[in-house]
Amino acid sequence: MADPKVPETALQIQIDEAVAQGLYANMALVNHTDAEFTLDFIYVQPQQPKAAVRARIITSPRHMKRLLAAMQDNLQKYEARFGAVEMSSPDLPVH
């Protein structure tokens, strides 16, 4: 139950058109220090020796834990509706 003394404020999130289009990534690298996590989202083209980082997100450990929980929750909901997501190859490394 919310504290009746604290007024609830609705968060208004804005997104510009370019960001709303999104970027496709088929690889992600995750690194961390004691103070932050860095997530690099990458698009790897078939048969190409190079790949470009399309977006980098730097966040706190506390937010990373909330993000992980939200991702797990959404994946469970997805699989309940559409079926299990199979990994393409169990031999591929996790980054």
PDB file of N, CA and C in Angstrom:
ATOM      1  N   MET A   1       0.832  -1.175   0.000  1.00  0.00           N
ATOM      2  CA  MET A   1       0.000   0.000   0.000  1.00  0.00           C
ATOM      3  C   MET A   1       0.882   1.245   0.000  1.00  0.00           C
ATOM      4  N   ALA A   2       0.517   2.219  -0.834  1.00  0.00           N
ATOM      5  CA  ALA A   2       1.307   3.433  -0.950  1.00  0.00           C
ATOM      6  C   ALA A   2       1.128   4.308   0.277  1.00  0.00           C
ATOM      7  N   ASP A   3       2.160   5.044   0.605  1.00  0.00           N
ATOM      8  CA  ASP A   3       2.110   5.973   1.729  1.00  0.00           C
ATOM      9  C   ASP A   3       1.169   7.116   1.356  1.00  0.00           C
ATOM     10  N   PRO A   4       0.083   7.341   2.135  1.00  0.00           N
ATOM     11  CA  PRO A   4      -0.880   8.391   1.770  1.00  0.00           C
ATOM     12  C   PRO A   4      -0.305   9.796   1.842  1.00  0.00           C
ATOM     13  N   LYS A   5       0.821   9.972   2.528  1.00  0.00           N
ATOM     14  CA  LYS A   5       1.432  11.298   2.649  1.00  0.00           C
ATOM     15  C   LYS A   5       2.249  11.677   1.421  1.00  0.00           C
ATOM     16  N   VAL A   6       2.651  10.668   0.625  1.00  0.00           N
ATOM     17  CA  VAL A   6       3.503  10.916  -0.529  1.00  0.00           C
ATOM     18  C   VAL A   6       2.644  10.851  -1.792  1.00  0.00           C
ATOM     19  N   PRO A   7       2.503  11.973  -2.495  1.00  0.00           N
ATOM     20  CA  PRO A   7       1.699  11.941  -3.722  1.00  0.00           C
ATOM     21  C   PRO A   7       2.394  11.097  -4.795  1.00  0.00           C
ATOM     22  N   GLU A   8       1.602  10.294  -5.512  1.00  0.00           N
ATOM     23  CA  GLU A   8       2.153   9.451  -6.568  1.00  0.00           C
ATOM     24  C   GLU A   8       2.289  10.280  -7.837  1.00  0.00           C
ATOM     25  N   THR A   9       3.421  10.206  -8.478  1.00  0.00           N
ATOM     26  CA  THR A   9       3.671  10.952  -9.697  1.00  0.00           C
ATOM     27  C   THR A   9       3.791   9.984 -10.856  1.00  0.00           C
ATOM     28  N   ALA A  10       3.047  10.243 -11.914  1.00  0.00           N
ATOM     29  CA  ALA A  10       3.136   9.403 -13.105  1.00  0.00           C
ATOM     30  C   ALA A  10       4.374   9.813 -13.899  1.00  0.00           C
ATOM     31  N   LEU A  11       5.182   8.851 -14.235  1.00  0.00           N
ATOM     32  CA  LEU A  11       6.384   9.104 -15.015  1.00  0.00           C
ATOM     33  C   LEU A  11       6.008   9.177 -16.486  1.00  0.00           C
ATOM     34  N   GLN A  12       6.338  10.268 -17.110  1.00  0.00           N
ATOM     35  CA  GLN A  12       6.083  10.429 -18.532  1.00  0.00           C
ATOM     36  C   GLN A  12       7.388  10.198 -19.276  1.00  0.00           C
ATOM     37  N   ILE A  13       7.393   9.177 -20.119  1.00  0.00           N
ATOM     38  CA  ILE A  13       8.592   8.817 -20.866  1.00  0.00           C
ATOM     39  C   ILE A  13       8.431   9.258 -22.308  1.00  0.00           C
ATOM     40  N   GLN A  14       9.424   9.977 -22.805  1.00  0.00           N
ATOM     41  CA  GLN A  14       9.410  10.425 -24.192  1.00  0.00           C
ATOM     42  C   GLN A  14      10.441   9.627 -24.982  1.00  0.00           C
ATOM     43  N   ILE A  15      10.121   9.369 -26.230  1.00  0.00           N
ATOM     44  CA  ILE A  15      11.057   8.670 -27.112  1.00  0.00           C
ATOM     45  C   ILE A  15      11.011   9.338 -28.477  1.00  0.00           C
ATOM     46  N   ASP A  16      12.187   9.729 -28.972  1.00  0.00           N
ATOM     47  CA  ASP A  16      12.186  10.375 -30.282  1.00  0.00           C
ATOM     48  C   ASP A  16      12.053   9.316 -31.384  1.00  0.00           C
ATOM     49  N   GLU A  17      11.730   9.758 -32.559  1.00  0.00           N
ATOM     50  CA  GLU A  17      11.410   8.839 -33.656  1.00  0.00           C
ATOM     51  C   GLU A  17      12.570   7.911 -34.013  1.00  0.00           C
ATOM     52  N   ALA A  18      13.784   8.421 -34.029  1.00  0.00           N
ATOM     53  CA  ALA A  18      14.940   7.596 -34.387  1.00  0.00           C
ATOM     54  C   ALA A  18      15.143   6.472 -33.370  1.00  0.00           C
ATOM     55  N   VAL A  19      15.011   6.779 -32.087  1.00  0.00           N
ATOM     56  CA  VAL A  19      15.177   5.767 -31.049  1.00  0.00           C
ATOM     57  C   VAL A  19      14.021   4.773 -31.099  1.00  0.00           C
ATOM     58  N   ALA A  20      12.813   5.255 -31.385  1.00  0.00           N
ATOM     59  CA  ALA A  20      11.629   4.393 -31.445  1.00  0.00           C
ATOM     60  C   ALA A  20      11.749   3.341 -32.547  1.00  0.00           C
ATOM     61  N   GLN A  21      12.528   3.614 -33.571  1.00  0.00           N
ATOM     62  CA  GLN A  21      12.723   2.646 -34.662  1.00  0.00           C
ATOM     63  C   GLN A  21      13.476   1.416 -34.178  1.00  0.00           C
ATOM     64  N   GLY A  22      14.294   1.588 -33.166  1.00  0.00           N
ATOM     65  CA  GLY A  22      15.050   0.472 -32.606  1.00  0.00           C
ATOM     66  C   GLY A  22      16.222   0.059 -33.475  1.00  0.00           C
ATOM     67  N   LEU A  23      17.053  -0.793 -32.938  1.00  0.00           N
ATOM     68  CA  LEU A  23      18.199  -1.353 -33.641  1.00  0.00           C
ATOM     69  C   LEU A  23      18.197  -2.854 -33.412  1.00  0.00           C
ATOM     70  N   TYR A  24      18.551  -3.616 -34.426  1.00  0.00           N
ATOM     71  CA  TYR A  24      18.614  -5.065 -34.299  1.00  0.00           C
ATOM     72  C   TYR A  24      19.999  -5.464 -33.786  1.00  0.00           C
ATOM     73  N   ALA A  25      20.021  -6.347 -32.813  1.00  0.00           N
ATOM     74  CA  ALA A  25      21.278  -6.895 -32.297  1.00  0.00           C
ATOM     75  C   ALA A  25      21.110  -8.402 -32.168  1.00  0.00           C
ATOM     76  N   ASN A  26      22.144  -9.142 -32.559  1.00  0.00           N
ATOM     77  CA  ASN A  26      22.103 -10.595 -32.420  1.00  0.00           C
ATOM     78  C   ASN A  26      23.250 -11.106 -31.553  1.00  0.00           C
ATOM     79  N   MET A  27      23.875 -10.188 -30.836  1.00  0.00           N
ATOM     80  CA  MET A  27      24.939 -10.552 -29.904  1.00  0.00           C
ATOM     81  C   MET A  27      25.017  -9.466 -28.837  1.00  0.00           C
ATOM     82  N   ALA A  28      25.342  -9.850 -27.627  1.00  0.00           N
ATOM     83  CA  ALA A  28      25.534  -8.872 -26.560  1.00  0.00           C
ATOM     84  C   ALA A  28      26.738  -9.286 -25.729  1.00  0.00           C
ATOM     85  N   LEU A  29      27.503  -8.312 -25.320  1.00  0.00           N
ATOM     86  CA  LEU A  29      28.621  -8.525 -24.412  1.00  0.00           C
ATOM     87  C   LEU A  29      28.296  -7.810 -23.110  1.00  0.00           C
ATOM     88  N   VAL A  30      28.537  -8.474 -21.996  1.00  0.00           N
ATOM     89  CA  VAL A  30      28.268  -7.892 -20.687  1.00  0.00           C
ATOM     90  C   VAL A  30      29.571  -7.882 -19.895  1.00  0.00           C
ATOM     91  N   ASN A  31      29.922  -6.715 -19.380  1.00  0.00           N
ATOM     92  CA  ASN A  31      31.113  -6.566 -18.538  1.00  0.00           C
ATOM     93  C   ASN A  31      30.711  -5.797 -17.298  1.00  0.00           C
ATOM     94  N   HIS A  32      31.542  -5.884 -16.264  1.00  0.00           N
ATOM     95  CA  HIS A  32      31.225  -5.160 -15.038  1.00  0.00           C
ATOM     96  C   HIS A  32      32.488  -4.776 -14.285  1.00  0.00           C
ATOM     97  N   THR A  33      32.315  -3.746 -13.472  1.00  0.00           N
ATOM     98  CA  THR A  33      33.300  -3.353 -12.467  1.00  0.00           C
ATOM     99  C   THR A  33      32.576  -3.430 -11.136  1.00  0.00           C
ATOM    100  N   ASP A  34      33.207  -2.997 -10.076  1.00  0.00           N
ATOM    101  CA  ASP A  34      32.521  -3.006  -8.782  1.00  0.00           C
ATOM    102  C   ASP A  34      31.398  -1.974  -8.725  1.00  0.00           C
ATOM    103  N   ALA A  35      31.388  -1.002  -9.644  1.00  0.00           N
ATOM    104  CA  ALA A  35      30.424   0.092  -9.586  1.00  0.00           C
ATOM    105  C   ALA A  35      29.359   0.082 -10.677  1.00  0.00           C
ATOM    106  N   GLU A  36      29.596  -0.655 -11.773  1.00  0.00           N
ATOM    107  CA  GLU A  36      28.647  -0.581 -12.884  1.00  0.00           C
ATOM    108  C   GLU A  36      28.742  -1.790 -13.805  1.00  0.00           C
ATOM    109  N   PHE A  37      27.675  -1.974 -14.580  1.00  0.00           N
ATOM    110  CA  PHE A  37      27.617  -2.982 -15.630  1.00  0.00           C
ATOM    111  C   PHE A  37      27.586  -2.263 -16.973  1.00  0.00           C
ATOM    112  N   THR A  38      28.250  -2.827 -17.956  1.00  0.00           N
ATOM    113  CA  THR A  38      28.225  -2.305 -19.317  1.00  0.00           C
ATOM    114  C   THR A  38      27.689  -3.392 -20.228  1.00  0.00           C
ATOM    115  N   LEU A  39      26.648  -3.042 -20.996  1.00  0.00           N
ATOM    116  CA  LEU A  39      26.051  -3.969 -21.955  1.00  0.00           C
ATOM    117  C   LEU A  39      26.276  -3.404 -23.346  1.00  0.00           C
ATOM    118  N   ASP A  40      26.978  -4.141 -24.195  1.00  0.00           N
ATOM    119  CA  ASP A  40      27.193  -3.753 -25.582  1.00  0.00           C
ATOM    120  C   ASP A  40      26.315  -4.637 -26.458  1.00  0.00           C
ATOM    121  N   PHE A  41      25.468  -4.003 -27.268  1.00  0.00           N
ATOM    122  CA  PHE A  41      24.593  -4.718 -28.194  1.00  0.00           C
ATOM    123  C   PHE A  41      25.195  -4.606 -29.582  1.00  0.00           C
ATOM    124  N   ILE A  42      25.376  -5.754 -30.239  1.00  0.00           N
ATOM    125  CA  ILE A  42      26.168  -5.861 -31.463  1.00  0.00           C
ATOM    126  C   ILE A  42      25.359  -6.552 -32.545  1.00  0.00           C
ATOM    127  N   TYR A  43      25.578  -6.155 -33.793  1.00  0.00           N
ATOM    128  CA  TYR A  43      25.003  -6.858 -34.932  1.00  0.00           C
ATOM    129  C   TYR A  43      26.139  -7.539 -35.679  1.00  0.00           C
ATOM    130  N   VAL A  44      26.096  -8.853 -35.716  1.00  0.00           N
ATOM    131  CA  VAL A  44      27.096  -9.649 -36.430  1.00  0.00           C
ATOM    132  C   VAL A  44      26.465 -10.101 -37.743  1.00  0.00           C
ATOM    133  N   GLN A  45      27.074  -9.692 -38.846  1.00  0.00           N
ATOM    134  CA  GLN A  45      26.582 -10.115 -40.155  1.00  0.00           C
ATOM    135  C   GLN A  45      27.221 -11.442 -40.527  1.00  0.00           C
ATOM    136  N   PRO A  46      26.450 -12.337 -41.143  1.00  0.00           N
ATOM    137  CA  PRO A  46      27.021 -13.625 -41.560  1.00  0.00           C
ATOM    138  C   PRO A  46      28.206 -13.424 -42.516  1.00  0.00           C
ATOM    139  N   GLN A  47      29.192 -14.242 -42.354  1.00  0.00           N
ATOM    140  CA  GLN A  47      30.368 -14.268 -43.233  1.00  0.00           C
ATOM    141  C   GLN A  47      31.213 -12.995 -43.162  1.00  0.00           C
ATOM    142  N   GLN A  48      31.055 -12.179 -42.120  1.00  0.00           N
ATOM    143  CA  GLN A  48      31.834 -10.949 -41.992  1.00  0.00           C
ATOM    144  C   GLN A  48      32.780 -11.063 -40.803  1.00  0.00           C
ATOM    145  N   PRO A  49      34.039 -10.645 -40.972  1.00  0.00           N
ATOM    146  CA  PRO A  49      35.008 -10.765 -39.881  1.00  0.00           C
ATOM    147  C   PRO A  49      34.894  -9.668 -38.818  1.00  0.00           C
ATOM    148  N   LYS A  50      34.108  -8.614 -39.084  1.00  0.00           N
ATOM    149  CA  LYS A  50      33.960  -7.514 -38.147  1.00  0.00           C
ATOM    150  C   LYS A  50      32.506  -7.362 -37.746  1.00  0.00           C
ATOM    151  N   ALA A  51      32.295  -6.831 -36.552  1.00  0.00           N
ATOM    152  CA  ALA A  51      30.949  -6.523 -36.079  1.00  0.00           C
ATOM    153  C   ALA A  51      30.991  -5.189 -35.354  1.00  0.00           C
ATOM    154  N   ALA A  52      29.889  -4.462 -35.423  1.00  0.00           N
ATOM    155  CA  ALA A  52      29.835  -3.134 -34.820  1.00  0.00           C
ATOM    156  C   ALA A  52      28.928  -3.117 -33.602  1.00  0.00           C
ATOM    157  N   VAL A  53      29.372  -2.396 -32.573  1.00  0.00           N
ATOM    158  CA  VAL A  53      28.514  -2.163 -31.421  1.00  0.00           C
ATOM    159  C   VAL A  53      27.472  -1.145 -31.862  1.00  0.00           C
ATOM    160  N   ARG A  54      26.195  -1.510 -31.723  1.00  0.00           N
ATOM    161  CA  ARG A  54      25.109  -0.617 -32.129  1.00  0.00           C
ATOM    162  C   ARG A  54      24.623   0.244 -30.969  1.00  0.00           C
ATOM    163  N   ALA A  55      24.758  -0.261 -29.743  1.00  0.00           N
ATOM    164  CA  ALA A  55      24.343   0.515 -28.577  1.00  0.00           C
ATOM    165  C   ALA A  55      25.118   0.037 -27.360  1.00  0.00           C
ATOM    166  N   ARG A  56      25.401   0.953 -26.463  1.00  0.00           N
ATOM    167  CA  ARG A  56      26.067   0.617 -25.202  1.00  0.00           C
ATOM    168  C   ARG A  56      25.235   1.214 -24.069  1.00  0.00           C
ATOM    169  N   ILE A  57      24.915   0.375 -23.099  1.00  0.00           N
ATOM    170  CA  ILE A  57      24.174   0.809 -21.924  1.00  0.00           C
ATOM    171  C   ILE A  57      25.066   0.580 -20.709  1.00  0.00           C
ATOM    172  N   ILE A  58      25.224   1.607 -19.893  1.00  0.00           N
ATOM    173  CA  ILE A  58      26.005   1.512 -18.659  1.00  0.00           C
ATOM    174  C   ILE A  58      25.025   1.761 -17.516  1.00  0.00           C
ATOM    175  N   THR A  59      24.989   0.844 -16.549  1.00  0.00           N
ATOM    176  CA  THR A  59      23.993   0.938 -15.490  1.00  0.00           C
ATOM    177  C   THR A  59      24.562   0.455 -14.164  1.00  0.00           C
ATOM    178  N   SER A  60      23.830   0.732 -13.105  1.00  0.00           N
ATOM    179  CA  SER A  60      24.275   0.352 -11.765  1.00  0.00           C
ATOM    180  C   SER A  60      23.974  -1.123 -11.490  1.00  0.00           C
ATOM    181  N   PRO A  61      24.688  -1.739 -10.552  1.00  0.00           N
ATOM    182  CA  PRO A  61      24.389  -3.127 -10.183  1.00  0.00           C
ATOM    183  C   PRO A  61      22.943  -3.308  -9.719  1.00  0.00           C
ATOM    184  N   ARG A  62      22.430  -2.379  -8.961  1.00  0.00           N
ATOM    185  CA  ARG A  62      21.042  -2.477  -8.479  1.00  0.00           C
ATOM    186  C   ARG A  62      20.056  -2.475  -9.648  1.00  0.00           C
ATOM    187  N   HIS A  63      20.264  -1.571 -10.605  1.00  0.00           N
ATOM    188  CA  HIS A  63      19.365  -1.531 -11.764  1.00  0.00           C
ATOM    189  C   HIS A  63      19.554  -2.776 -12.631  1.00  0.00           C
ATOM    190  N   MET A  64      20.779  -3.270 -12.735  1.00  0.00           N
ATOM    191  CA  MET A  64      21.034  -4.483 -13.522  1.00  0.00           C
ATOM    192  C   MET A  64      20.236  -5.658 -12.961  1.00  0.00           C
ATOM    193  N   LYS A  65      20.178  -5.759 -11.639  1.00  0.00           N
ATOM    194  CA  LYS A  65      19.426  -6.851 -11.018  1.00  0.00           C
ATOM    195  C   LYS A  65      17.936  -6.720 -11.322  1.00  0.00           C
ATOM    196  N   ARG A  66      17.406  -5.504 -11.288  1.00  0.00           N
ATOM    197  CA  ARG A  66      15.990  -5.284 -11.633  1.00  0.00           C
ATOM    198  C   ARG A  66      15.748  -5.582 -13.108  1.00  0.00           C
ATOM    199  N   LEU A  67      16.679  -5.198 -13.963  1.00  0.00           N
ATOM    200  CA  LEU A  67      16.563  -5.466 -15.393  1.00  0.00           C
ATOM    201  C   LEU A  67      16.570  -6.969 -15.662  1.00  0.00           C
ATOM    202  N   LEU A  68      17.464  -7.692 -15.010  1.00  0.00           N
ATOM    203  CA  LEU A  68      17.530  -9.140 -15.162  1.00  0.00           C
ATOM    204  C   LEU A  68      16.215  -9.797 -14.741  1.00  0.00           C
ATOM    205  N   ALA A  69      15.647  -9.352 -13.618  1.00  0.00           N
ATOM    206  CA  ALA A  69      14.370  -9.909 -13.154  1.00  0.00           C
ATOM    207  C   ALA A  69      13.258  -9.613 -14.160  1.00  0.00           C
ATOM    208  N   ALA A  70      13.234  -8.407 -14.716  1.00  0.00           N
ATOM    209  CA  ALA A  70      12.217  -8.047 -15.705  1.00  0.00           C
ATOM    210  C   ALA A  70      12.381  -8.875 -16.980  1.00  0.00           C
ATOM    211  N   MET A  71      13.614  -9.111 -17.397  1.00  0.00           N
ATOM    212  CA  MET A  71      13.861  -9.917 -18.596  1.00  0.00           C
ATOM    213  C   MET A  71      13.439 -11.366 -18.371  1.00  0.00           C
ATOM    214  N   GLN A  72      13.758 -11.926 -17.193  1.00  0.00           N
ATOM    215  CA  GLN A  72      13.353 -13.297 -16.883  1.00  0.00           C
ATOM    216  C   GLN A  72      11.836 -13.421 -16.857  1.00  0.00           C
ATOM    217  N   ASP A  73      11.157 -12.459 -16.243  1.00  0.00           N
ATOM    218  CA  ASP A  73       9.707 -12.465 -16.177  1.00  0.00           C
ATOM    219  C   ASP A  73       9.095 -12.415 -17.578  1.00  0.00           C
ATOM    220  N   ASN A  74       9.616 -11.531 -18.421  1.00  0.00           N
ATOM    221  CA  ASN A  74       9.081 -11.414 -19.772  1.00  0.00           C
ATOM    222  C   ASN A  74       9.359 -12.646 -20.617  1.00  0.00           C
ATOM    223  N   LEU A  75      10.519 -13.258 -20.463  1.00  0.00           N
ATOM    224  CA  LEU A  75      10.821 -14.482 -21.211  1.00  0.00           C
ATOM    225  C   LEU A  75       9.903 -15.616 -20.775  1.00  0.00           C
ATOM    226  N   GLN A  76       9.630 -15.723 -19.485  1.00  0.00           N
ATOM    227  CA  GLN A  76       8.696 -16.752 -19.003  1.00  0.00           C
ATOM    228  C   GLN A  76       7.304 -16.532 -19.591  1.00  0.00           C
ATOM    229  N   LYS A  77       6.849 -15.294 -19.634  1.00  0.00           N
ATOM    230  CA  LYS A  77       5.544 -14.989 -20.221  1.00  0.00           C
ATOM    231  C   LYS A  77       5.530 -15.301 -21.719  1.00  0.00           C
ATOM    232  N   TYR A  78       6.615 -14.981 -22.404  1.00  0.00           N
ATOM    233  CA  TYR A  78       6.727 -15.270 -23.830  1.00  0.00           C
ATOM    234  C   TYR A  78       6.631 -16.776 -24.070  1.00  0.00           C
ATOM    235  N   GLU A  79       7.416 -17.544 -23.299  1.00  0.00           N
ATOM    236  CA  GLU A  79       7.433 -18.998 -23.488  1.00  0.00           C
ATOM    237  C   GLU A  79       6.087 -19.632 -23.116  1.00  0.00           C
ATOM    238  N   ALA A  80       5.407 -19.089 -22.142  1.00  0.00           N
ATOM    239  CA  ALA A  80       4.083 -19.603 -21.782  1.00  0.00           C
ATOM    240  C   ALA A  80       3.106 -19.398 -22.938  1.00  0.00           C
ATOM    241  N   ARG A  81       3.280 -18.336 -23.676  1.00  0.00           N
ATOM    242  CA  ARG A  81       2.369 -18.036 -24.787  1.00  0.00           C
ATOM    243  C   ARG A  81       2.789 -18.681 -26.100  1.00  0.00           C
ATOM    244  N   PHE A  82       4.088 -18.689 -26.400  1.00  0.00           N
ATOM    245  CA  PHE A  82       4.565 -19.114 -27.714  1.00  0.00           C
ATOM    246  C   PHE A  82       5.389 -20.395 -27.710  1.00  0.00           C
ATOM    247  N   GLY A  83       5.711 -20.922 -26.552  1.00  0.00           N
ATOM    248  CA  GLY A  83       6.528 -22.124 -26.467  1.00  0.00           C
ATOM    249  C   GLY A  83       7.966 -21.807 -26.112  1.00  0.00           C
ATOM    250  N   ALA A  84       8.677 -22.861 -25.769  1.00  0.00           N
ATOM    251  CA  ALA A  84      10.060 -22.703 -25.306  1.00  0.00           C
ATOM    252  C   ALA A  84      10.963 -22.140 -26.395  1.00  0.00           C
ATOM    253  N   VAL A  85      11.861 -21.279 -25.987  1.00  0.00           N
ATOM    254  CA  VAL A  85      12.884 -20.743 -26.880  1.00  0.00           C
ATOM    255  C   VAL A  85      14.091 -21.653 -26.757  1.00  0.00           C
ATOM    256  N   GLU A  86      14.500 -22.237 -27.861  1.00  0.00           N
ATOM    257  CA  GLU A  86      15.650 -23.136 -27.867  1.00  0.00           C
ATOM    258  C   GLU A  86      16.911 -22.358 -28.218  1.00  0.00           C
ATOM    259  N   MET A  87      17.983 -22.681 -27.544  1.00  0.00           N
ATOM    260  CA  MET A  87      19.282 -22.078 -27.873  1.00  0.00           C
ATOM    261  C   MET A  87      19.747 -22.704 -29.173  1.00  0.00           C
ATOM    262  N   SER A  88      20.344 -21.906 -30.049  1.00  0.00           N
ATOM    263  CA  SER A  88      20.759 -22.413 -31.355  1.00  0.00           C
ATOM    264  C   SER A  88      21.848 -23.477 -31.217  1.00  0.00           C
ATOM    265  N   SER A  89      22.765 -23.284 -30.303  1.00  0.00           N
ATOM    266  CA  SER A  89      23.813 -24.261 -30.088  1.00  0.00           C
ATOM    267  C   SER A  89      24.298 -24.154 -28.652  1.00  0.00           C
ATOM    268  N   PRO A  90      24.248 -25.235 -27.898  1.00  0.00           N
ATOM    269  CA  PRO A  90      24.740 -25.156 -26.523  1.00  0.00           C
ATOM    270  C   PRO A  90      26.245 -24.929 -26.426  1.00  0.00           C
ATOM    271  N   ASP A  91      26.950 -25.102 -27.547  1.00  0.00           N
ATOM    272  CA  ASP A  91      28.407 -24.929 -27.553  1.00  0.00           C
ATOM    273  C   ASP A  91      28.827 -23.467 -27.686  1.00  0.00           C
ATOM    274  N   LEU A  92      27.888 -22.586 -28.078  1.00  0.00           N
ATOM    275  CA  LEU A  92      28.248 -21.189 -28.248  1.00  0.00           C
ATOM    276  C   LEU A  92      28.526 -20.545 -26.901  1.00  0.00           C
ATOM    277  N   PRO A  93      29.532 -19.675 -26.831  1.00  0.00           N
ATOM    278  CA  PRO A  93      29.839 -19.038 -25.551  1.00  0.00           C
ATOM    279  C   PRO A  93      28.790 -18.023 -25.170  1.00  0.00           C
ATOM    280  N   VAL A  94      28.626 -17.815 -23.882  1.00  0.00           N
ATOM    281  CA  VAL A  94      27.747 -16.778 -23.363  1.00  0.00           C
ATOM    282  C   VAL A  94      28.611 -15.577 -23.076  1.00  0.00           C
ATOM    283  N   HIS A  95      28.239 -14.442 -23.611  1.00  0.00           N
ATOM    284  CA  HIS A  95      29.027 -13.209 -23.410  1.00  0.00           C
ATOM    285  C   HIS A  95      28.293 -12.335 -22.460  1.00  0.00           C
TER     286      HIS A  95
END
